Amino acid sequence: GALTYTPTTGVGGLLTFASKSADEVLLDLNGAPNQIVSASNEIEIPNTALFPTSVWLALAARRVGDGTSEQISSYWLRTVQNIKRVETTYKAETAGASSTPRITFYRNDPLRIEYALSQPFEQFAPQAKDNMIVTNCHMRTAGVILKLPKSMIYLDRV
């Protein structure tokens, strides 16, 4: 499977970004993708980050501090070395351990990650049964296939 990053501990021993200073948040946001680079001996370089929507919006609303009015999100995007694409999804809100928010860093490359759809969505002709119209449908998926496990890392409990 994918790598897992252990986040820094914030105020009161909490791991959420809300309990951390801007520097601790940036440490986590930089540490996770850097772990991919070091764990793979610089073979894998992540270029995409997938954030829970609420986490990205919170980072866009929170200032870095130190006399600047720049938000954490824009500062991180401007200074991070390899991440060039950020995507958000509500589905990452409960994707982490114990249904916590999860940020995923990965290399967006079909040689490393693939979505396997063995049976595309198919809808059959409507059929009248009793007083109802029934439309049968089916599809099958094998999910996401991670061909090179060290090309992806999870950052949970953010």
Protein backbone atom coordinates (compact mmCIF):
# COMPACT_ATOMS: atom_id res chain seq x y z
CA GLY A 1 0.00 0.00 0.00
CA ALA A 2 0.83 3.65 0.14
CA LEU A 3 3.17 5.25 2.65
CA THR A 4 1.71 6.92 5.76
CA TYR A 5 3.12 10.12 7.23
CA THR A 6 3.06 10.66 11.00
CA PRO A 7 2.05 14.28 11.55
CA THR A 8 3.59 16.61 14.13
CA THR A 9 1.70 17.05 17.39
CA GLY A 10 -0.09 20.32 18.03
CA VAL A 11 -1.44 21.96 21.18
CA GLY A 12 -2.75 19.44 23.70
CA GLY A 13 -1.30 16.52 21.76
CA LEU A 14 -3.82 16.92 18.93
CA LEU A 15 -2.92 16.19 15.31
CA THR A 16 -5.48 18.44 13.57
CA PHE A 17 -4.32 21.53 11.69
CA ALA A 18 -6.64 23.66 13.85
CA SER A 19 -4.54 22.76 16.93
CA LYS A 20 -1.23 23.66 15.26
CA SER A 21 0.71 26.82 14.53
CA ALA A 22 1.21 27.83 10.91
CA ASP A 23 4.81 26.55 11.07
CA GLU A 24 3.64 23.13 12.29
CA VAL A 25 1.03 22.95 9.52
CA LEU A 26 3.67 23.79 6.92
CA LEU A 27 6.00 21.21 8.45
CA ASP A 28 3.36 18.53 7.86
CA LEU A 29 2.47 19.79 4.37
CA ASN A 30 6.14 19.66 3.36
CA GLY A 31 7.11 16.58 5.36
CA ALA A 32 4.64 14.18 3.76
CA PRO A 33 5.69 14.69 0.11
CA ASN A 34 9.35 14.85 1.16
CA GLN A 35 8.97 11.40 2.77
CA ILE A 36 8.03 9.99 -0.66
CA VAL A 37 11.22 11.44 -2.13
CA SER A 38 13.45 10.09 0.64
CA ALA A 39 11.72 6.67 0.98
CA SER A 40 12.08 6.03 -2.75
CA ASN A 41 15.69 7.26 -2.95
CA GLU A 42 14.57 10.23 -5.10
CA ILE A 43 12.96 7.99 -7.71
CA GLU A 44 9.40 9.07 -6.95
CA ILE A 45 8.58 12.79 -6.92
CA PRO A 46 4.96 13.66 -6.04
CA ASN A 47 3.31 16.37 -8.15
CA THR A 48 -0.32 16.33 -6.93
CA ALA A 49 -2.07 16.88 -3.60
CA LEU A 50 -5.64 15.81 -2.92
CA PHE A 51 -7.20 17.71 0.01
CA PRO A 52 -10.49 17.39 1.83
CA THR A 53 -12.47 20.46 0.77
CA SER A 54 -12.94 21.74 4.33
CA VAL A 55 -9.21 21.48 5.10
CA TRP A 56 -8.19 23.37 1.95
CA LEU A 57 -10.77 26.10 2.64
CA ALA A 58 -9.49 26.42 6.22
CA LEU A 59 -5.90 26.78 4.96
CA ALA A 60 -7.07 29.39 2.45
CA ALA A 61 -8.65 31.40 5.27
CA ARG A 62 -5.75 31.17 7.75
CA ARG A 63 -2.78 33.52 7.64
CA VAL A 64 0.84 32.39 7.86
CA GLY A 65 1.71 35.13 10.36
CA ASP A 66 5.13 36.70 10.88
CA GLY A 67 3.92 40.05 9.57
CA THR A 68 2.55 38.72 6.29
CA SER A 69 -1.06 38.71 5.18
CA GLU A 70 -0.56 35.67 2.93
CA GLN A 71 -2.70 32.60 3.57
CA ILE A 72 -1.13 29.22 4.39
CA SER A 73 -2.50 27.69 1.17
CA SER A 74 -1.02 30.30 -1.18
CA TYR A 75 2.27 30.44 0.73
CA TRP A 76 2.62 26.65 0.61
CA LEU A 77 1.82 26.48 -3.12
CA ARG A 78 4.34 29.21 -3.83
CA THR A 79 7.15 27.61 -1.80
CA VAL A 80 6.61 23.84 -2.09
CA GLN A 81 9.17 22.24 -4.34
CA ASN A 82 7.31 19.66 -6.45
CA ILE A 83 3.54 19.89 -5.92
CA LYS A 84 2.10 21.69 -8.94
CA ARG A 85 -1.52 20.59 -8.77
CA VAL A 86 -4.00 20.69 -5.89
CA GLU A 87 -7.41 19.06 -6.05
CA THR A 88 -10.17 19.01 -3.44
CA THR A 89 -12.95 16.55 -2.77
CA TYR A 90 -15.56 16.03 -0.09
CA LYS A 91 -14.81 12.31 -0.27
CA ALA A 92 -11.49 12.84 1.54
CA GLU A 93 -13.32 14.26 4.59
CA THR A 94 -13.70 10.77 6.09
CA ALA A 95 -11.13 8.76 4.09
CA GLY A 96 -8.49 8.69 6.82
CA ALA A 97 -7.97 6.43 9.81
CA SER A 98 -11.07 6.31 12.04
CA SER A 99 -13.01 8.33 9.41
CA THR A 100 -10.80 11.41 9.79
CA PRO A 101 -9.82 13.84 7.01
CA ARG A 102 -7.01 12.60 4.74
CA ILE A 103 -4.63 14.49 2.47
CA THR A 104 -3.07 12.37 -0.26
CA PHE A 105 0.15 13.28 -2.08
CA TYR A 106 1.02 11.33 -5.21
CA ARG A 107 2.57 11.38 -8.65
CA ASN A 108 -0.26 11.80 -11.15
CA ASP A 109 1.05 9.40 -13.77
CA PRO A 110 -0.75 6.42 -15.39
CA LEU A 111 2.43 4.36 -15.00
CA ARG A 112 2.04 4.67 -11.21
CA ILE A 113 -1.68 4.90 -10.49
CA GLU A 114 -4.68 3.59 -12.41
CA TYR A 115 -8.44 3.36 -11.96
CA ALA A 116 -9.59 -0.09 -13.06
CA LEU A 117 -13.13 -0.26 -14.40
CA SER A 118 -13.78 -3.86 -15.44
CA GLN A 119 -17.45 -3.32 -16.38
CA PRO A 120 -18.53 0.20 -17.37
CA PHE A 121 -21.93 1.44 -16.24
CA GLU A 122 -24.65 -0.20 -18.29
CA GLN A 123 -28.36 0.55 -18.16
CA PHE A 124 -30.87 -1.95 -19.52
CA ALA A 125 -34.25 -1.25 -21.08
CA PRO A 126 -37.04 -0.31 -18.62
CA GLN A 127 -39.40 -3.14 -17.72
CA ALA A 128 -42.94 -2.92 -16.39
CA LYS A 129 -43.43 -4.98 -13.21
CA ASP A 130 -46.73 -4.72 -11.38
CA ASN A 131 -47.40 -0.98 -11.06
CA MET A 132 -43.77 0.04 -11.38
CA ILE A 133 -41.21 0.64 -14.06
CA VAL A 134 -37.90 -1.04 -13.21
CA THR A 135 -34.61 -0.14 -14.89
CA ASN A 136 -31.81 -2.56 -14.11
CA CYS A 137 -28.25 -1.25 -14.15
CA HIS A 138 -24.84 -2.67 -13.32
CA MET A 139 -21.13 -1.86 -13.23
CA ARG A 140 -18.01 -3.33 -11.71
CA THR A 141 -14.83 -1.68 -10.58
CA ALA A 142 -11.57 -2.98 -9.20
CA GLY A 143 -10.88 0.43 -7.63
CA VAL A 144 -7.58 2.25 -7.75
CA ILE A 145 -4.45 0.27 -8.51
CA LEU A 146 -1.24 1.70 -7.11
CA LYS A 147 1.50 0.17 -9.25
CA LEU A 148 4.40 1.75 -7.35
CA PRO A 149 3.44 1.99 -3.66
CA LYS A 150 6.15 4.49 -2.72
CA SER A 151 4.69 7.03 -5.15
CA MET A 152 1.78 7.90 -2.79
CA ILE A 153 1.51 8.97 0.84
CA TYR A 154 -1.38 9.61 3.22
CA LEU A 155 -1.53 12.38 5.81
CA ASP A 156 -4.43 11.57 8.18
CA ARG A 157 -6.17 13.38 11.05
CA VAL A 158 -5.66 16.85 9.62
